[in-house]
């Protein structure tokens, strides 16, 4: 799943920016090193709480932004169907 992979990469980048090992981040978050490894590899689907704890352990906060999806142009969509 692409979004889980992206989240894992983001957690890894945050950890590395804070100069923490997986074990050190795990200790601060209150989980195991293997759980952090799975998260970073996209093998787990973390909760918002887990992401917030990982961010806080690295001195950061999580901020979510919702944005509207692009609206499809009906003329272009009709053209795609005709081609």
Protein backbone atom coordinates (compact mmCIF):
# COMPACT_ATOMS: atom_id res chain seq x y z
CA UNK A 1 0.00 0.00 0.00
CA UNK A 2 1.56 3.26 -1.16
CA UNK A 3 0.34 5.54 1.66
CA UNK A 4 1.66 3.21 4.38
CA UNK A 5 5.03 3.06 2.60
CA UNK A 6 5.10 6.87 2.48
CA UNK A 7 4.27 7.13 6.18
CA UNK A 8 7.01 4.63 6.99
CA UNK A 9 9.54 6.62 4.98
CA UNK A 10 8.43 9.81 6.74
CA UNK A 11 8.88 8.21 10.17
CA UNK A 12 12.34 7.00 9.13
CA UNK A 13 13.31 10.49 7.95
CA UNK A 14 12.03 12.07 11.17
CA UNK A 15 13.97 9.53 13.24
CA UNK A 16 17.17 10.11 11.29
CA UNK A 17 16.76 13.90 11.47
CA UNK A 18 16.58 13.57 15.26
CA UNK A 19 19.74 11.39 15.19
CA UNK A 20 17.92 8.48 16.83
CA UNK A 21 18.35 4.77 16.23
CA UNK A 22 15.26 2.61 15.84
CA UNK A 23 15.87 1.31 19.34
CA UNK A 24 16.10 4.84 20.82
CA UNK A 25 12.92 5.95 19.06
CA UNK A 26 11.16 2.78 20.23
CA UNK A 27 12.16 3.45 23.84
CA UNK A 28 10.85 7.02 23.66
CA UNK A 29 7.61 5.89 21.99
CA UNK A 30 7.10 2.95 24.34
CA UNK A 31 7.28 0.18 21.77
CA UNK A 32 9.80 -2.32 20.41
CA UNK A 33 12.58 -1.77 17.90
CA UNK A 34 10.98 -4.37 15.64
CA UNK A 35 7.69 -2.42 15.66
CA UNK A 36 9.56 0.71 14.51
CA UNK A 37 11.34 -1.31 11.81
CA UNK A 38 8.00 -2.68 10.54
CA UNK A 39 6.49 0.80 10.57
CA UNK A 40 9.43 2.23 8.59
CA UNK A 41 9.25 -0.61 6.06
CA UNK A 42 5.53 -0.08 5.46
CA UNK A 43 4.65 -3.42 7.02
CA UNK A 44 2.29 -1.98 9.60
CA UNK A 45 -0.58 0.46 9.52
CA UNK A 46 0.12 2.92 12.37
CA UNK A 47 -2.60 4.71 14.28
CA UNK A 48 -2.65 8.48 14.53
CA UNK A 49 -1.64 8.08 18.17
CA UNK A 50 1.46 6.09 17.15
CA UNK A 51 2.42 8.73 14.58
CA UNK A 52 1.96 11.48 17.16
CA UNK A 53 4.14 9.63 19.67
CA UNK A 54 6.86 9.04 17.04
CA UNK A 55 6.81 12.71 16.08
CA UNK A 56 6.87 13.89 19.70
CA UNK A 57 9.80 11.56 20.45
CA UNK A 58 11.72 13.38 17.71
CA UNK A 59 10.64 16.83 18.93
CA UNK A 60 7.93 17.36 16.32
CA UNK A 61 4.14 17.48 16.10
CA UNK A 62 1.79 15.91 13.54
CA UNK A 63 -0.39 18.22 11.45
CA UNK A 64 -2.99 16.91 9.00
CA UNK A 65 -4.45 18.97 6.20
CA UNK A 66 -7.53 18.02 4.21
CA UNK A 67 -7.66 19.33 0.65
CA UNK A 68 -10.38 19.01 -1.97
CA UNK A 69 -9.96 16.45 -4.71
CA UNK A 70 -9.58 17.83 -8.22
CA UNK A 71 -12.86 18.05 -10.09
CA UNK A 72 -12.86 16.24 -13.41
CA UNK A 73 -13.73 18.38 -16.43
CA UNK A 74 -16.77 16.73 -18.09
CA UNK A 75 -15.66 17.82 -21.59
CA UNK A 76 -12.25 16.16 -21.16
CA UNK A 77 -13.82 13.06 -19.64
CA UNK A 78 -16.19 12.78 -22.64
CA UNK A 79 -13.25 13.21 -25.01
CA UNK A 80 -11.33 10.42 -23.26
CA UNK A 81 -14.32 8.15 -23.73
CA UNK A 82 -14.53 8.98 -27.45
CA UNK A 83 -10.87 8.31 -28.20
